[in-house]
Each structure stands twice: as structure tokens, then as C-alpha cells.
Amino acid sequence: MDYLVALMSAPEAWAALLALTVMEVVLGIDNLIFISVVSNKLPEESRAKARRIGIGAALGLRLALLATVAVIIQLTTPLFTVFDQPFSWRDLILVAGGLFLVWKATSEIHHSVDRDPGLDALNPKIKPASVEAVVGQILVLDLVFSLDSIITAVGMTDHLPIMMFAVLVAVGAMWLAADPLANFIHANPTVVMLALGFLLLIGTTLIADGFGAHVPKGYIYAAMAFSALIEGLNILARRARQARSALSGADDL
């Protein structure tokens, strides 16, 4: 108790909490986009349930990972070197997660644009998505994103309560934004393709990071924000054309 009181009275602790909370919320955008895309594959009555279970399980996973933060830090220790490039467990996990994201986004794009996808390597026999499968995918990707964010968080503060509070705030924000974002993506088909493009970009970035080519997150989020702005303008333009067309049709009557 005395430790928490002393921590709350330290200005540097509040500064670290603010910075870490903002970072966790921003990094949660990647995960939220993936959750929205995969949950929309479910029947409408199961989507919100899958998102709630997935995000709740992701919170438990993140808190459990924070409890083993000393072990996670050791994941950055190089295991082997290939062409003078060292690889750690963190690097291998990032590469695996990035490959999964690229595969998932590519297969979804392929299924969306091909009139007859058939049974091929990208799109094997299509089975209805299940809540369990969607929750499992959410947890797999959350594990990848959580490891990266926790390792970053350790570089910002040594206090576990600050990390946990930042995680709680970030997951709470995801909880509140999950349904509105998923519903918006479902209601605007062109946004689905944009979201899949974001997943491709995020997956490629994870792979590059795993191979030691770090891309500043600011560049990635700036590109995503600009693309989302353009798509927002396209949606407004489409609605304006539809309104003018409906008005013109009413005048003709």
C-alpha cells in the first residue's frame, strides 16, 4: 500500500502513465481493425458476442503476460544469427504474426475480388466461421501485439501497476470502440477492402521489424489516417450523389 501511495505522489509516474496509456491505445488500433474484420465473418447475432469474448480473453492474456514481464524481456536475447542478422524469440514471433496477417488479408481480398474463388491454396474449402475460431484468431494476434507493446512499455517505466493500468485503459477503449467500428466496416463495403489493406500493411511491418528493419509507427499510422480520410471523403461523395439522384427522381414524378 505504501508503495502505491508513493507511486501516485511521484510526478514522473503520472507522466509515464499518460505516455504509456496513449501508446497502448494507439497500438490497439491494429488489433481493433483485425477484430472488426474477422468478427464480421460471423452471423450477425454472434458478432458482438465474439468481440466481447475475444477482447475479454485478450485482457486476461495481457495481464498474464505482464505478470511474467521478466521472462518476456528475455525474449529479446538473440538465439541465432543469419547473414549477420541476429534473431530472437521476439523477432520470430513478429515474423510469424506478420505472415499470418498477410496470409489472412490476402486470402480475404482474393475471396472478395474473384467471382469464382474455387478451391485453391489461398482459399481452401470455405467453412462458416465459428465464435471459437474467431476468438482463437483474436488471441493469436493479440499475443503478437501484446509482446511488442509490453517490451516497449518496459523501456518507458519499471512500475508494473502503471503498465497494468495502461493495459486496462487500452482494452477498455477497444471494448467501447469494437462494435461501432465493426458495424461501420460492415455497412460500408469499400471500407472492408481498406481495412484488409491496413492488415496487409501491418503484417508487412511486423515481418520487417522481425528482420531488424524497424519502421517508425508514426509513418504507418499517418498513412492509415490519410487513407481513412480519403475513404471518408469518398463515402460522403457517394451519399451526396445518391441524395441528388433521389431528389432528381422525386422531381421527375
C-alpha atoms as a PDB file:
ATOM      1  CA  MET A   1       0.000   0.000   0.000  1.00  0.00           C
ATOM      2  CA  ASP A   2       2.808   2.407   0.890  1.00  0.00           C
ATOM      3  CA  TYR A   3       4.395   1.603  -2.464  1.00  0.00           C
ATOM      4  CA  LEU A   4       1.235   2.617  -4.347  1.00  0.00           C
ATOM      5  CA  VAL A   5       0.868   5.824  -2.317  1.00  0.00           C
ATOM      6  CA  ALA A   6       4.477   6.771  -3.026  1.00  0.00           C
ATOM      7  CA  LEU A   7       3.994   5.917  -6.699  1.00  0.00           C
ATOM      8  CA  MET A   8       0.854   8.087  -7.003  1.00  0.00           C
ATOM      9  CA  SER A   9       2.681  11.032  -5.438  1.00  0.00           C
ATOM     10  CA  ALA A  10       5.543  10.901  -7.955  1.00  0.00           C
ATOM     11  CA  PRO A  11       5.112  13.297 -10.942  1.00  0.00           C
ATOM     12  CA  GLU A  12       7.318  11.128 -13.167  1.00  0.00           C
ATOM     13  CA  ALA A  13       4.984   8.190 -12.539  1.00  0.00           C
ATOM     14  CA  TRP A  14       1.986  10.190 -13.796  1.00  0.00           C
ATOM     15  CA  ALA A  15       3.941  11.294 -16.855  1.00  0.00           C
ATOM     16  CA  ALA A  16       4.894   7.681 -17.596  1.00  0.00           C
ATOM     17  CA  LEU A  17       1.271   6.590 -17.072  1.00  0.00           C
ATOM     18  CA  LEU A  18      -0.027   9.178 -19.549  1.00  0.00           C
ATOM     19  CA  ALA A  19       2.571   8.352 -22.192  1.00  0.00           C
ATOM     20  CA  LEU A  20       2.133   4.607 -21.767  1.00  0.00           C
ATOM     21  CA  THR A  21      -1.670   4.796 -21.864  1.00  0.00           C
ATOM     22  CA  VAL A  22      -1.616   6.814 -25.095  1.00  0.00           C
ATOM     23  CA  MET A  23       0.852   4.344 -26.602  1.00  0.00           C
ATOM     24  CA  GLU A  24      -1.273   1.330 -25.631  1.00  0.00           C
ATOM     25  CA  VAL A  25      -4.443   2.909 -27.055  1.00  0.00           C
ATOM     26  CA  VAL A  26      -2.735   3.791 -30.337  1.00  0.00           C
ATOM     27  CA  LEU A  27      -1.154   0.348 -30.669  1.00  0.00           C
ATOM     28  CA  GLY A  28      -4.589  -1.166 -30.020  1.00  0.00           C
ATOM     29  CA  ILE A  29      -5.842   0.258 -33.339  1.00  0.00           C
ATOM     30  CA  ASP A  30      -4.112  -2.556 -35.240  1.00  0.00           C
ATOM     31  CA  ASN A  31      -5.774  -5.183 -33.110  1.00  0.00           C
ATOM     32  CA  LEU A  32      -9.159  -3.477 -33.296  1.00  0.00           C
ATOM     33  CA  ILE A  33      -9.144  -3.466 -37.107  1.00  0.00           C
ATOM     34  CA  PHE A  34      -8.360  -7.182 -37.147  1.00  0.00           C
ATOM     35  CA  ILE A  35     -11.110  -7.906 -34.596  1.00  0.00           C
ATOM     36  CA  SER A  36     -13.628  -5.976 -36.714  1.00  0.00           C
ATOM     37  CA  VAL A  37     -12.714  -7.827 -39.916  1.00  0.00           C
ATOM     38  CA  VAL A  38     -12.729 -11.370 -38.516  1.00  0.00           C
ATOM     39  CA  SER A  39     -15.833 -10.915 -36.340  1.00  0.00           C
ATOM     40  CA  ASN A  40     -17.848  -9.671 -39.321  1.00  0.00           C
ATOM     41  CA  LYS A  41     -17.410 -13.125 -40.887  1.00  0.00           C
ATOM     42  CA  LEU A  42     -19.811 -14.494 -38.262  1.00  0.00           C
ATOM     43  CA  PRO A  43     -23.623 -14.455 -38.400  1.00  0.00           C
ATOM     44  CA  GLU A  44     -24.909 -11.088 -37.232  1.00  0.00           C
ATOM     45  CA  GLU A  45     -26.280 -12.415 -33.941  1.00  0.00           C
ATOM     46  CA  SER A  46     -22.868 -13.842 -32.941  1.00  0.00           C
ATOM     47  CA  ARG A  47     -20.592 -10.937 -33.850  1.00  0.00           C
ATOM     48  CA  ALA A  48     -20.893  -8.842 -30.684  1.00  0.00           C
ATOM     49  CA  LYS A  49     -20.535 -11.959 -28.517  1.00  0.00           C
ATOM     50  CA  ALA A  50     -17.318 -12.984 -30.276  1.00  0.00           C
ATOM     51  CA  ARG A  51     -15.872  -9.484 -29.940  1.00  0.00           C
ATOM     52  CA  ARG A  52     -16.718  -9.325 -26.229  1.00  0.00           C
ATOM     53  CA  ILE A  53     -15.237 -12.768 -25.506  1.00  0.00           C
ATOM     54  CA  GLY A  54     -12.164 -12.069 -27.652  1.00  0.00           C
ATOM     55  CA  ILE A  55     -11.420  -8.706 -26.058  1.00  0.00           C
ATOM     56  CA  GLY A  56     -12.092 -10.047 -22.544  1.00  0.00           C
ATOM     57  CA  ALA A  57      -9.766 -13.000 -23.144  1.00  0.00           C
ATOM     58  CA  ALA A  58      -7.189 -10.625 -24.637  1.00  0.00           C
ATOM     59  CA  LEU A  59      -7.283  -8.566 -21.421  1.00  0.00           C
ATOM     60  CA  GLY A  60      -6.601 -11.678 -19.352  1.00  0.00           C
ATOM     61  CA  LEU A  61      -3.773 -12.637 -21.716  1.00  0.00           C
ATOM     62  CA  ARG A  62      -2.134  -9.213 -21.463  1.00  0.00           C
ATOM     63  CA  LEU A  63      -2.324  -9.130 -17.672  1.00  0.00           C
ATOM     64  CA  ALA A  64      -0.869 -12.641 -17.529  1.00  0.00           C
ATOM     65  CA  LEU A  65       1.969 -11.580 -19.818  1.00  0.00           C
ATOM     66  CA  LEU A  66       2.650  -8.556 -17.620  1.00  0.00           C
ATOM     67  CA  ALA A  67       2.932 -10.884 -14.630  1.00  0.00           C
ATOM     68  CA  THR A  68       5.773 -12.652 -16.460  1.00  0.00           C
ATOM     69  CA  VAL A  69       7.421  -9.466 -17.717  1.00  0.00           C
ATOM     70  CA  ALA A  70      10.865 -10.652 -16.596  1.00  0.00           C
ATOM     71  CA  VAL A  71      10.523 -13.672 -18.896  1.00  0.00           C
ATOM     72  CA  ILE A  72       9.235 -11.552 -21.787  1.00  0.00           C
ATOM     73  CA  ILE A  73      12.259  -9.256 -21.611  1.00  0.00           C
ATOM     74  CA  GLN A  74      14.473 -12.293 -22.123  1.00  0.00           C
ATOM     75  CA  LEU A  75      12.690 -12.952 -25.422  1.00  0.00           C
ATOM     76  CA  THR A  76      14.840 -10.200 -26.945  1.00  0.00           C
ATOM     77  CA  THR A  77      18.017 -12.214 -26.373  1.00  0.00           C
ATOM     78  CA  PRO A  78      19.432 -13.395 -29.749  1.00  0.00           C
ATOM     79  CA  LEU A  79      19.025 -17.104 -30.423  1.00  0.00           C
ATOM     80  CA  PHE A  80      20.945 -17.386 -33.700  1.00  0.00           C
ATOM     81  CA  THR A  81      22.352 -15.238 -36.485  1.00  0.00           C
ATOM     82  CA  VAL A  82      21.688 -15.423 -40.218  1.00  0.00           C
ATOM     83  CA  PHE A  83      23.865 -13.299 -42.537  1.00  0.00           C
ATOM     84  CA  ASP A  84      24.964 -11.141 -39.591  1.00  0.00           C
ATOM     85  CA  GLN A  85      21.319 -10.562 -38.604  1.00  0.00           C
ATOM     86  CA  PRO A  86      20.512 -11.819 -35.062  1.00  0.00           C
ATOM     87  CA  PHE A  87      17.089 -13.342 -34.395  1.00  0.00           C
ATOM     88  CA  SER A  88      15.402 -13.598 -31.008  1.00  0.00           C
ATOM     89  CA  TRP A  89      12.142 -15.216 -29.919  1.00  0.00           C
ATOM     90  CA  ARG A  90      10.520 -11.782 -30.228  1.00  0.00           C
ATOM     91  CA  ASP A  91      11.696 -11.499 -33.833  1.00  0.00           C
ATOM     92  CA  LEU A  92      10.404 -14.968 -34.702  1.00  0.00           C
ATOM     93  CA  ILE A  93       7.022 -14.236 -33.107  1.00  0.00           C
ATOM     94  CA  LEU A  94       6.735 -10.947 -35.010  1.00  0.00           C
ATOM     95  CA  VAL A  95       7.591 -12.656 -38.311  1.00  0.00           C
ATOM     96  CA  ALA A  96       5.083 -15.460 -37.653  1.00  0.00           C
ATOM     97  CA  GLY A  97       2.354 -12.966 -36.698  1.00  0.00           C
ATOM     98  CA  GLY A  98       3.121 -10.808 -39.727  1.00  0.00           C
ATOM     99  CA  LEU A  99       2.945 -13.809 -42.071  1.00  0.00           C
ATOM    100  CA  PHE A 100      -0.398 -14.793 -40.542  1.00  0.00           C
ATOM    101  CA  LEU A 101      -1.775 -11.281 -41.069  1.00  0.00           C
ATOM    102  CA  VAL A 102      -0.522 -11.140 -44.664  1.00  0.00           C
ATOM    103  CA  TRP A 103      -2.000 -14.569 -45.398  1.00  0.00           C
ATOM    104  CA  LYS A 104      -5.336 -13.674 -43.755  1.00  0.00           C
ATOM    105  CA  ALA A 105      -5.664 -10.335 -45.545  1.00  0.00           C
ATOM    106  CA  THR A 106      -4.564 -11.759 -48.918  1.00  0.00           C
ATOM    107  CA  SER A 107      -6.998 -14.677 -48.730  1.00  0.00           C
ATOM    108  CA  GLU A 108      -9.866 -12.329 -47.792  1.00  0.00           C
ATOM    109  CA  ILE A 109      -9.016  -9.936 -50.637  1.00  0.00           C
ATOM    110  CA  HIS A 110      -8.760 -12.856 -53.055  1.00  0.00           C
ATOM    111  CA  HIS A 111     -12.170 -14.133 -51.980  1.00  0.00           C
ATOM    112  CA  SER A 112     -13.676 -10.638 -52.325  1.00  0.00           C
ATOM    113  CA  VAL A 113     -12.411  -9.802 -55.822  1.00  0.00           C
ATOM    114  CA  ASP A 114     -12.601 -13.222 -57.500  1.00  0.00           C
ATOM    115  CA  ARG A 115     -16.046 -14.065 -58.863  1.00  0.00           C
ATOM    116  CA  ASP A 116     -15.322 -17.785 -58.529  1.00  0.00           C
ATOM    117  CA  PRO A 117     -12.561 -18.251 -55.929  1.00  0.00           C
ATOM    118  CA  GLY A 118     -12.623 -22.045 -56.293  1.00  0.00           C
ATOM    119  CA  LEU A 119     -10.615 -24.393 -54.121  1.00  0.00           C
ATOM    120  CA  ASP A 120      -7.024 -23.183 -54.195  1.00  0.00           C
ATOM    121  CA  ALA A 121      -4.156 -22.555 -51.823  1.00  0.00           C
ATOM    122  CA  LEU A 122      -5.391 -19.109 -50.823  1.00  0.00           C
ATOM    123  CA  ASN A 123      -8.989 -20.103 -50.427  1.00  0.00           C
ATOM    124  CA  PRO A 124      -9.490 -23.743 -49.450  1.00  0.00           C
ATOM    125  CA  LYS A 125     -12.955 -25.133 -48.851  1.00  0.00           C
ATOM    126  CA  ILE A 126     -14.854 -22.318 -47.200  1.00  0.00           C
ATOM    127  CA  LYS A 127     -16.490 -23.223 -43.905  1.00  0.00           C
ATOM    128  CA  PRO A 128     -18.787 -20.983 -41.878  1.00  0.00           C
ATOM    129  CA  ALA A 129     -16.798 -19.086 -39.268  1.00  0.00           C
ATOM    130  CA  SER A 130     -17.394 -20.078 -35.653  1.00  0.00           C
ATOM    131  CA  VAL A 131     -17.183 -17.977 -32.493  1.00  0.00           C
ATOM    132  CA  GLU A 132     -14.429 -20.237 -31.185  1.00  0.00           C
ATOM    133  CA  ALA A 133     -12.343 -19.849 -34.344  1.00  0.00           C
ATOM    134  CA  VAL A 134     -12.730 -16.064 -34.347  1.00  0.00           C
ATOM    135  CA  VAL A 135     -11.824 -15.781 -30.640  1.00  0.00           C
ATOM    136  CA  GLY A 136      -8.799 -18.000 -31.274  1.00  0.00           C
ATOM    137  CA  GLN A 137      -7.582 -15.752 -34.108  1.00  0.00           C
ATOM    138  CA  ILE A 138      -8.109 -12.651 -31.951  1.00  0.00           C
ATOM    139  CA  LEU A 139      -5.990 -14.183 -29.177  1.00  0.00           C
ATOM    140  CA  VAL A 140      -3.205 -15.240 -31.556  1.00  0.00           C
ATOM    141  CA  LEU A 141      -2.831 -11.731 -32.955  1.00  0.00           C
ATOM    142  CA  ASP A 142      -3.231 -10.129 -29.546  1.00  0.00           C
ATOM    143  CA  LEU A 143      -0.338 -12.246 -28.312  1.00  0.00           C
ATOM    144  CA  VAL A 144       1.882 -10.815 -31.066  1.00  0.00           C
ATOM    145  CA  PHE A 145       0.810  -7.218 -30.476  1.00  0.00           C
ATOM    146  CA  SER A 146       0.982  -7.614 -26.680  1.00  0.00           C
ATOM    147  CA  LEU A 147       4.560  -8.884 -26.675  1.00  0.00           C
ATOM    148  CA  ASP A 148       5.696  -5.943 -28.772  1.00  0.00           C
ATOM    149  CA  SER A 149       3.837  -3.350 -26.691  1.00  0.00           C
ATOM    150  CA  ILE A 150       4.995  -4.830 -23.348  1.00  0.00           C
ATOM    151  CA  ILE A 151       8.639  -4.817 -24.433  1.00  0.00           C
ATOM    152  CA  THR A 152       8.193  -1.173 -25.475  1.00  0.00           C
ATOM    153  CA  ALA A 153       6.439  -0.368 -22.189  1.00  0.00           C
ATOM    154  CA  VAL A 154       9.316  -1.773 -20.120  1.00  0.00           C
ATOM    155  CA  GLY A 155      11.561   0.792 -21.769  1.00  0.00           C
ATOM    156  CA  MET A 156       9.246   3.562 -20.550  1.00  0.00           C
ATOM    157  CA  THR A 157       8.676   2.553 -16.927  1.00  0.00           C
ATOM    158  CA  ASP A 158       9.744  -0.062 -14.372  1.00  0.00           C
ATOM    159  CA  HIS A 159       6.463   0.058 -12.427  1.00  0.00           C
ATOM    160  CA  LEU A 160       4.111  -2.876 -13.050  1.00  0.00           C
ATOM    161  CA  PRO A 161       0.952  -1.098 -11.705  1.00  0.00           C
ATOM    162  CA  ILE A 162       1.426   1.658 -14.320  1.00  0.00           C
ATOM    163  CA  MET A 163       1.701  -0.933 -17.103  1.00  0.00           C
ATOM    164  CA  MET A 164      -1.405  -2.756 -15.882  1.00  0.00           C
ATOM    165  CA  PHE A 165      -3.470   0.424 -15.628  1.00  0.00           C
ATOM    166  CA  ALA A 166      -2.433   1.454 -19.153  1.00  0.00           C
ATOM    167  CA  VAL A 167      -3.445  -2.000 -20.452  1.00  0.00           C
ATOM    168  CA  LEU A 168      -6.826  -1.741 -18.696  1.00  0.00           C
ATOM    169  CA  VAL A 169      -7.497   1.656 -20.272  1.00  0.00           C
ATOM    170  CA  ALA A 170      -6.428   0.468 -23.739  1.00  0.00           C
ATOM    171  CA  VAL A 171      -8.555  -2.691 -23.612  1.00  0.00           C
ATOM    172  CA  GLY A 172     -11.468  -0.650 -22.248  1.00  0.00           C
ATOM    173  CA  ALA A 173     -11.177   1.674 -25.248  1.00  0.00           C
ATOM    174  CA  MET A 174     -11.141  -1.360 -27.562  1.00  0.00           C
ATOM    175  CA  TRP A 175     -14.233  -2.713 -25.796  1.00  0.00           C
ATOM    176  CA  LEU A 176     -16.137   0.535 -26.391  1.00  0.00           C
ATOM    177  CA  ALA A 177     -14.984   1.028 -29.986  1.00  0.00           C
ATOM    178  CA  ALA A 178     -15.254  -2.577 -31.219  1.00  0.00           C
ATOM    179  CA  ASP A 179     -18.976  -2.653 -32.063  1.00  0.00           C
ATOM    180  CA  PRO A 180     -19.210   0.820 -33.680  1.00  0.00           C
ATOM    181  CA  LEU A 181     -16.116   0.207 -35.817  1.00  0.00           C
ATOM    182  CA  ALA A 182     -17.194  -3.291 -36.875  1.00  0.00           C
ATOM    183  CA  ASN A 183     -20.703  -2.077 -37.728  1.00  0.00           C
ATOM    184  CA  PHE A 184     -19.289   0.813 -39.744  1.00  0.00           C
ATOM    185  CA  ILE A 185     -16.995  -1.505 -41.695  1.00  0.00           C
ATOM    186  CA  HIS A 186     -19.881  -3.918 -42.344  1.00  0.00           C
ATOM    187  CA  ALA A 187     -22.184  -1.110 -43.526  1.00  0.00           C
ATOM    188  CA  ASN A 188     -19.601   0.274 -45.976  1.00  0.00           C
ATOM    189  CA  PRO A 189     -18.263  -2.493 -48.272  1.00  0.00           C
ATOM    190  CA  THR A 190     -15.422  -0.367 -49.637  1.00  0.00           C
ATOM    191  CA  VAL A 191     -14.145   0.140 -46.092  1.00  0.00           C
ATOM    192  CA  VAL A 192     -13.712  -3.642 -45.820  1.00  0.00           C
ATOM    193  CA  MET A 193     -11.106  -3.557 -48.588  1.00  0.00           C
ATOM    194  CA  LEU A 194      -9.406  -0.587 -46.925  1.00  0.00           C
ATOM    195  CA  ALA A 195      -9.286  -2.470 -43.612  1.00  0.00           C
ATOM    196  CA  LEU A 196      -7.793  -5.516 -45.351  1.00  0.00           C
ATOM    197  CA  GLY A 197      -5.202  -3.218 -46.924  1.00  0.00           C
ATOM    198  CA  PHE A 198      -4.370  -1.943 -43.431  1.00  0.00           C
ATOM    199  CA  LEU A 199      -3.885  -5.538 -42.252  1.00  0.00           C
ATOM    200  CA  LEU A 200      -1.514  -6.166 -45.177  1.00  0.00           C
ATOM    201  CA  LEU A 201       0.454  -3.069 -44.226  1.00  0.00           C
ATOM    202  CA  ILE A 202       0.583  -4.022 -40.550  1.00  0.00           C
ATOM    203  CA  GLY A 203       1.598  -7.592 -41.367  1.00  0.00           C
ATOM    204  CA  THR A 204       4.387  -6.435 -43.671  1.00  0.00           C
ATOM    205  CA  THR A 205       5.607  -4.049 -40.972  1.00  0.00           C
ATOM    206  CA  LEU A 206       5.710  -6.848 -38.403  1.00  0.00           C
ATOM    207  CA  ILE A 207       7.751  -9.030 -40.764  1.00  0.00           C
ATOM    208  CA  ALA A 208      10.160  -6.179 -41.473  1.00  0.00           C
ATOM    209  CA  ASP A 209      10.505  -5.491 -37.742  1.00  0.00           C
ATOM    210  CA  GLY A 210      11.239  -9.160 -37.124  1.00  0.00           C
ATOM    211  CA  PHE A 211      14.059  -8.982 -39.675  1.00  0.00           C
ATOM    212  CA  GLY A 212      15.536  -5.934 -37.974  1.00  0.00           C
ATOM    213  CA  ALA A 213      14.167  -3.261 -40.349  1.00  0.00           C
ATOM    214  CA  HIS A 214      12.222  -1.097 -37.903  1.00  0.00           C
ATOM    215  CA  VAL A 215       9.616   1.191 -39.479  1.00  0.00           C
ATOM    216  CA  PRO A 216       8.542   4.072 -37.195  1.00  0.00           C
ATOM    217  CA  LYS A 217       4.922   3.564 -36.131  1.00  0.00           C
ATOM    218  CA  GLY A 218       4.199   7.238 -36.834  1.00  0.00           C
ATOM    219  CA  TYR A 219       4.715   6.690 -40.560  1.00  0.00           C
ATOM    220  CA  ILE A 220       2.379   3.699 -40.560  1.00  0.00           C
ATOM    221  CA  TYR A 221      -0.407   5.440 -38.648  1.00  0.00           C
ATOM    222  CA  ALA A 222      -0.051   8.618 -40.734  1.00  0.00           C
ATOM    223  CA  ALA A 223      -0.515   6.572 -43.937  1.00  0.00           C
ATOM    224  CA  MET A 224      -3.512   4.777 -42.426  1.00  0.00           C
ATOM    225  CA  ALA A 225      -5.072   8.046 -41.247  1.00  0.00           C
ATOM    226  CA  PHE A 226      -4.615   9.655 -44.680  1.00  0.00           C
ATOM    227  CA  SER A 227      -6.163   6.630 -46.416  1.00  0.00           C
ATOM    228  CA  ALA A 228      -9.086   6.649 -43.973  1.00  0.00           C
ATOM    229  CA  LEU A 229      -9.614  10.381 -44.635  1.00  0.00           C
ATOM    230  CA  ILE A 230      -9.760   9.824 -48.394  1.00  0.00           C
ATOM    231  CA  GLU A 231     -12.173   6.917 -47.957  1.00  0.00           C
ATOM    232  CA  GLY A 232     -14.317   9.103 -45.681  1.00  0.00           C
ATOM    233  CA  LEU A 233     -14.493  11.746 -48.407  1.00  0.00           C
ATOM    234  CA  ASN A 234     -15.454   9.049 -50.922  1.00  0.00           C
ATOM    235  CA  ILE A 235     -18.290   7.902 -48.643  1.00  0.00           C
ATOM    236  CA  LEU A 236     -19.566  11.478 -48.288  1.00  0.00           C
ATOM    237  CA  ALA A 237     -19.338  11.992 -52.063  1.00  0.00           C
ATOM    238  CA  ARG A 238     -21.283   8.761 -52.684  1.00  0.00           C
ATOM    239  CA  ARG A 239     -24.011   9.766 -50.267  1.00  0.00           C
ATOM    240  CA  ALA A 240     -24.254  13.201 -51.871  1.00  0.00           C
ATOM    241  CA  ARG A 241     -24.659  11.621 -55.330  1.00  0.00           C
ATOM    242  CA  GLN A 242     -27.325   9.259 -54.016  1.00  0.00           C
ATOM    243  CA  ALA A 243     -29.189  12.153 -52.385  1.00  0.00           C
ATOM    244  CA  ARG A 244     -29.067  14.187 -55.614  1.00  0.00           C
ATOM    245  CA  SER A 245     -30.234  11.171 -57.630  1.00  0.00           C
ATOM    246  CA  ALA A 246     -33.136  10.545 -55.236  1.00  0.00           C
ATOM    247  CA  LEU A 247     -34.096  14.234 -55.342  1.00  0.00           C
ATOM    248  CA  SER A 248     -33.934  14.247 -59.131  1.00  0.00           C
ATOM    249  CA  GLY A 249     -36.130  11.130 -59.294  1.00  0.00           C
ATOM    250  CA  ALA A 250     -38.683  12.753 -56.977  1.00  0.00           C
ATOM    251  CA  ASP A 251     -38.784  15.873 -59.143  1.00  0.00           C
ATOM    252  CA  ASP A 252     -39.431  13.761 -62.248  1.00  0.00           C
ATOM    253  CA  LEU A 253     -42.511  12.334 -60.584  1.00  0.00           C
END
